[in-house]
Amino acid sequence: MHGLDNNADGFAASGAAGGALTEAEGRRMAKDSVLMAGGANRRFSGFTCYAALAEHKASNIEDVSYQILLGKDKYFVSTDGGGERQQWFALIREPAGGVDEEPTPENPNPKMKRLLNEFNNAEPGDQNGDVWDDFAHELLKATKEGDIKRRDLYDGSPLITEGWNKGQVAICGDAAHPMMPNLGQGGCQATEDGYRLAEELATVKHTTDIEGALNTYFMKRIPRTAIIQTIAQLGSDLLVDFDLMMTIPLLGPFFLTATQLSMPFVLRYLYTPSF
């Protein structure tokens, strides 16, 4: 449905609860959903992300299930993926639109080659002079080139005034609340959306009730998702500049203390489902 703006045309699937859609209705509903999602004022976060799920039992898994390695203009995050697997993602601050070289006989693993250099664990370190922990290389080397995915990261502002529904059309998940991945909440909030949407639609007795049900769905979900979007955005923006922040008199120590004191409450809020 990309590109279905005000003057766009396109195709939409037919068939919906309560009867089939005509082609014109399908196009209009698809267009409405894209326009609503477009209201999120998406911004490029400034980061490109490489990510993969490695079939590997981390050497420190018994002690650490989630860790972040920080450096100048980049950071590396890993988390236990279960079943002796490790999920990792590497965020690098750079302009959007970059692409990796195609594999060649001389360089069969261009993504891996770049990442091993970006997170160099030997002197003299990366291009900023940072020498990275061996753990980043451990996970990178346990990953197949074809499993590494690259994407530019975009998030957006909460759609508090714009809403997530128009008539009998509603959006959910990343379309409604795009957020940075550092909290691991994108899929979680989409799941909560789906549950709440199903609960509200279960109250519908007639097609005339659908619009009200969708509006109730939005009203119940927007407070939580707006808070989590904001935390994710602030966390990502501040995380990569953490060292710089700590050099600022008074503000640095205050920020660190506030983070330490609030973190148990933030984590409890994030990881306690609210449907």
Protein backbone atom coordinates (compact mmCIF):
# COMPACT_ATOMS: atom_id res chain seq x y z
CA MET A 1 0.00 0.00 0.00
CA HIS A 2 3.01 2.29 -0.16
CA GLY A 3 2.33 5.43 -2.17
CA LEU A 4 -1.44 5.44 -1.69
CA ASP A 5 -1.63 9.15 -1.07
CA ASN A 6 -4.42 11.56 -1.96
CA ASN A 7 -4.07 11.05 -5.70
CA ALA A 8 -2.93 7.43 -5.71
CA ASP A 9 -4.52 4.38 -7.21
CA GLY A 10 -3.84 0.74 -6.41
CA PHE A 11 -5.22 -2.60 -5.40
CA ALA A 12 -6.74 -3.75 -2.13
CA ALA A 13 -7.84 -7.14 -0.90
CA SER A 14 -11.57 -7.72 -0.90
CA GLY A 15 -13.59 -9.44 1.77
CA ALA A 16 -14.35 -8.24 5.30
CA ALA A 17 -16.55 -9.12 8.21
CA GLY A 18 -20.08 -8.22 7.29
CA GLY A 19 -19.69 -8.52 3.52
CA ALA A 20 -17.32 -8.18 0.60
CA LEU A 21 -15.74 -4.90 -0.37
CA THR A 22 -16.12 -3.46 -3.80
CA GLU A 23 -12.86 -2.51 -5.49
CA ALA A 24 -13.58 1.18 -4.92
CA GLU A 25 -14.27 0.62 -1.21
CA GLY A 26 -11.10 -1.42 -0.85
CA ARG A 27 -9.01 1.33 -2.44
CA ARG A 28 -10.61 3.99 -0.27
CA MET A 29 -10.05 2.02 2.94
CA ALA A 30 -6.44 1.25 2.04
CA LYS A 31 -5.86 4.89 1.20
CA ASP A 32 -7.44 6.04 4.48
CA SER A 33 -5.21 3.71 6.51
CA VAL A 34 -2.05 4.94 4.79
CA LEU A 35 -3.05 8.57 5.27
CA MET A 36 -3.68 7.99 8.98
CA ALA A 37 -0.31 6.31 9.39
CA GLY A 38 1.31 9.14 7.47
CA GLY A 39 0.14 11.54 10.17
CA ALA A 40 2.75 10.11 12.54
CA ASN A 41 5.27 12.60 11.10
CA ARG A 42 7.91 9.95 10.75
CA ARG A 43 11.45 11.11 11.31
CA PHE A 44 14.66 9.40 10.41
CA SER A 45 16.25 8.54 13.72
CA GLY A 46 19.76 9.11 12.42
CA PHE A 47 20.59 5.40 12.74
CA THR A 48 21.03 2.49 10.40
CA CYS A 49 20.42 -0.87 12.03
CA TYR A 50 21.95 -4.26 11.29
CA ALA A 51 20.22 -7.14 13.06
CA ALA A 52 20.16 -10.93 13.17
CA LEU A 53 19.20 -13.93 15.27
CA ALA A 54 22.33 -16.03 15.77
CA GLU A 55 22.17 -19.77 16.43
CA HIS A 56 24.64 -19.44 19.26
CA LYS A 57 24.77 -19.86 23.03
CA ALA A 58 26.45 -16.72 24.34
CA SER A 59 29.54 -17.28 26.47
CA ASN A 60 28.13 -15.12 29.28
CA ILE A 61 24.48 -16.16 29.03
CA GLU A 62 24.43 -17.50 32.58
CA ASP A 63 25.31 -14.05 33.92
CA VAL A 64 23.89 -11.59 31.39
CA SER A 65 20.76 -12.00 29.27
CA TYR A 66 20.65 -8.44 27.93
CA GLN A 67 23.54 -6.06 27.38
CA ILE A 68 24.43 -2.87 25.56
CA LEU A 69 27.92 -1.94 24.36
CA LEU A 70 28.31 1.80 23.87
CA GLY A 71 30.67 3.72 21.62
CA LYS A 72 30.84 7.01 19.78
CA ASP A 73 28.00 7.24 17.22
CA LYS A 74 27.07 3.58 17.54
CA TYR A 75 25.98 0.90 19.96
CA PHE A 76 25.59 -2.89 19.98
CA VAL A 77 22.73 -4.63 21.79
CA SER A 78 22.22 -8.33 22.47
CA THR A 79 19.49 -10.28 24.19
CA ASP A 80 18.75 -13.91 24.90
CA GLY A 81 16.63 -15.27 22.06
CA GLY A 82 15.85 -18.57 23.79
CA GLY A 83 16.81 -22.04 22.65
CA GLU A 84 20.55 -21.24 22.60
CA ARG A 85 19.98 -18.33 20.23
CA GLN A 86 21.08 -14.74 20.61
CA GLN A 87 19.29 -11.74 19.10
CA TRP A 88 21.58 -8.80 18.37
CA PHE A 89 21.33 -5.47 16.64
CA ALA A 90 23.98 -2.90 15.83
CA LEU A 91 22.98 0.74 15.44
CA ILE A 92 25.31 3.08 13.56
CA ARG A 93 24.71 6.80 13.22
CA GLU A 94 24.82 7.68 9.51
CA PRO A 95 22.59 9.17 6.78
CA ALA A 96 19.64 7.21 5.46
CA GLY A 97 19.71 5.43 2.14
CA GLY A 98 23.03 3.62 2.42
CA VAL A 99 23.47 0.18 0.88
CA ASP A 100 26.06 -2.55 1.30
CA GLU A 101 28.21 -3.91 -1.48
CA GLU A 102 27.02 -7.00 -3.26
CA PRO A 103 28.94 -10.18 -2.33
CA THR A 104 31.83 -11.00 -4.64
CA PRO A 105 34.42 -13.81 -4.72
CA GLU A 106 36.92 -11.36 -3.22
CA ASN A 107 34.46 -10.12 -0.57
CA PRO A 108 31.76 -12.77 -0.02
CA ASN A 109 30.53 -11.25 3.27
CA PRO A 110 30.37 -7.46 2.87
CA LYS A 111 27.98 -6.86 5.79
CA MET A 112 30.07 -8.98 8.13
CA LYS A 113 33.28 -7.29 7.00
CA ARG A 114 31.85 -3.87 7.73
CA LEU A 115 30.48 -4.83 11.14
CA LEU A 116 33.72 -6.45 12.28
CA ASN A 117 35.47 -3.18 11.42
CA GLU A 118 32.80 -0.98 13.00
CA PHE A 119 33.03 -2.97 16.26
CA ASN A 120 36.74 -3.72 16.10
CA ASN A 121 37.97 -5.49 19.23
CA ALA A 122 41.70 -5.00 18.59
CA GLU A 123 43.98 -1.98 18.69
CA PRO A 124 43.75 0.64 17.26
CA GLY A 125 39.99 0.04 17.43
CA ASP A 126 37.34 1.48 15.13
CA GLN A 127 37.51 4.75 13.20
CA ASN A 128 36.76 6.64 16.44
CA GLY A 129 39.51 4.87 18.37
CA ASP A 130 37.10 2.75 20.42
CA VAL A 131 38.20 -0.83 21.11
CA TRP A 132 35.06 -2.93 21.47
CA ASP A 133 34.36 -5.80 23.84
CA ASP A 134 35.09 -9.26 22.39
CA PHE A 135 31.43 -10.15 22.88
CA ALA A 136 30.35 -8.17 19.81
CA HIS A 137 32.75 -10.16 17.63
CA GLU A 138 31.62 -13.40 19.26
CA LEU A 139 28.04 -12.84 18.12
CA LEU A 140 28.95 -11.41 14.73
CA LYS A 141 31.18 -14.37 13.86
CA ALA A 142 28.41 -16.78 14.92
CA THR A 143 26.03 -15.20 12.39
CA LYS A 144 25.57 -16.11 8.74
CA GLU A 145 25.90 -13.27 6.24
CA GLY A 146 22.50 -14.05 4.76
CA ASP A 147 20.81 -13.72 8.15
CA ILE A 148 21.96 -10.13 8.67
CA LYS A 149 19.28 -7.58 7.78
CA ARG A 150 19.92 -3.88 7.31
CA ARG A 151 17.37 -1.07 7.54
CA ASP A 152 17.24 2.62 8.29
CA LEU A 153 15.30 3.31 11.46
CA TYR A 154 12.33 5.66 11.54
CA ASP A 155 10.06 6.50 14.42
CA GLY A 156 7.32 9.08 14.81
CA SER A 157 5.33 11.24 17.15
CA PRO A 158 2.24 9.80 18.90
CA LEU A 159 -1.00 10.29 16.95
CA ILE A 160 -2.79 11.79 19.94
CA THR A 161 -4.87 14.35 18.06
CA GLU A 162 -4.93 12.63 14.67
CA GLY A 163 -6.30 9.32 15.95
CA TRP A 164 -5.94 5.77 14.67
CA ASN A 165 -9.37 5.37 13.12
CA LYS A 166 -11.54 6.93 10.46
CA GLY A 167 -15.02 5.57 9.94
CA GLN A 168 -14.72 1.79 9.80
CA VAL A 169 -10.95 1.81 9.19
CA ALA A 170 -8.28 1.61 11.92
CA ILE A 171 -4.54 1.14 12.07
CA CYS A 172 -2.38 -0.66 14.61
CA GLY A 173 1.19 -1.71 15.29
CA ASP A 174 4.01 0.22 13.62
CA ALA A 175 1.52 2.07 11.43
CA ALA A 176 0.00 3.62 14.56
CA HIS A 177 3.07 3.97 16.81
CA PRO A 178 6.45 3.51 15.07
CA MET A 179 9.20 3.36 17.69
CA MET A 180 12.88 2.65 18.10
CA PRO A 181 13.82 -0.99 18.81
CA ASN A 182 15.95 -0.44 21.91
CA LEU A 183 13.10 -1.30 24.32
CA GLY A 184 11.96 -4.36 22.38
CA GLN A 185 8.41 -2.99 22.45
CA GLY A 186 7.40 -2.70 18.79
CA GLY A 187 5.99 -6.21 18.50
CA CYS A 188 4.76 -6.19 22.10
CA GLN A 189 2.60 -3.12 21.55
CA ALA A 190 1.30 -4.48 18.24
CA THR A 191 0.20 -7.63 20.11
CA GLU A 192 -1.54 -5.56 22.75
CA ASP A 193 -3.23 -3.57 19.95
CA GLY A 194 -4.51 -6.77 18.38
CA TYR A 195 -5.96 -8.03 21.64
CA ARG A 196 -7.71 -4.75 22.41
CA LEU A 197 -9.01 -4.45 18.85
CA ALA A 198 -10.50 -7.95 19.02
CA GLU A 199 -12.09 -7.22 22.39
CA GLU A 200 -13.77 -4.05 21.15
CA LEU A 201 -14.95 -5.57 17.87
CA ALA A 202 -16.46 -8.46 19.84
CA THR A 203 -18.98 -5.96 21.24
CA VAL A 204 -20.25 -5.02 17.79
CA LYS A 205 -23.85 -6.09 17.14
CA HIS A 206 -24.37 -4.12 13.93
CA THR A 207 -22.14 -2.47 11.35
CA THR A 208 -23.19 0.89 12.73
CA ASP A 209 -21.37 -0.01 15.97
CA ILE A 210 -17.99 -0.48 14.29
CA GLU A 211 -16.92 3.16 14.27
CA GLY A 212 -17.59 3.51 18.00
CA ALA A 213 -15.73 0.29 18.78
CA LEU A 214 -12.69 1.44 16.81
CA ASN A 215 -12.70 4.78 18.59
CA THR A 216 -12.84 3.02 21.98
CA TYR A 217 -9.90 0.84 20.88
CA PHE A 218 -7.89 3.99 20.09
CA MET A 219 -8.82 5.77 23.32
CA LYS A 220 -7.79 2.80 25.46
CA ARG A 221 -4.47 2.22 23.69
CA ILE A 222 -3.12 5.71 22.97
CA PRO A 223 -1.98 6.65 26.54
CA ARG A 224 0.27 3.58 26.91
CA THR A 225 1.69 3.58 23.40
CA ALA A 226 2.41 7.33 23.51
CA ILE A 227 4.41 6.92 26.73
CA ILE A 228 6.39 3.97 25.36
CA GLN A 229 7.08 5.74 22.05
CA THR A 230 8.48 8.70 23.95
CA ILE A 231 10.65 6.57 26.26
CA ALA A 232 12.03 4.64 23.28
CA GLN A 233 12.86 7.82 21.39
CA LEU A 234 14.52 9.52 24.36
CA GLY A 235 16.38 6.37 25.30
CA SER A 236 17.86 5.95 21.85
CA ASP A 237 18.79 9.63 21.47
CA LEU A 238 20.47 9.80 24.88
CA LEU A 239 22.07 6.37 24.87
CA VAL A 240 24.58 7.03 22.12
CA ASP A 241 25.58 10.36 23.72
CA PHE A 242 25.80 8.95 27.24
CA ASP A 243 29.55 9.64 27.63
CA LEU A 244 29.07 13.23 26.48
CA MET A 245 26.14 13.69 28.85
CA MET A 246 28.24 12.53 31.80
CA THR A 247 30.80 15.29 31.18
CA ILE A 248 28.21 18.02 31.83
CA PRO A 249 28.48 19.27 35.44
CA LEU A 250 25.42 18.59 37.60
CA LEU A 251 23.27 17.49 34.65
CA GLY A 252 25.30 14.34 33.99
CA PRO A 253 25.21 12.96 37.56
CA PHE A 254 21.55 14.00 37.90
CA PHE A 255 20.65 12.14 34.71
CA LEU A 256 22.50 9.02 35.84
CA THR A 257 20.88 9.02 39.31
CA ALA A 258 17.41 9.68 37.88
CA THR A 259 17.87 6.82 35.40
CA GLN A 260 18.98 4.40 38.10
CA LEU A 261 16.12 5.29 40.44
CA SER A 262 13.41 5.23 37.77
CA MET A 263 14.52 2.12 35.88
CA PRO A 264 12.72 -0.47 38.07
CA PHE A 265 9.46 1.43 37.62
CA VAL A 266 10.02 1.93 33.88
CA LEU A 267 10.76 -1.76 33.34
CA ARG A 268 7.74 -2.81 35.37
CA TYR A 269 5.54 -0.54 33.25
CA LEU A 270 7.05 -1.73 29.97
CA TYR A 271 6.88 -5.42 30.64
CA THR A 272 3.54 -5.62 32.39
CA PRO A 273 1.02 -6.12 29.55
CA SER A 274 -1.88 -3.71 29.53
CA PHE A 275 -4.65 -4.65 27.15
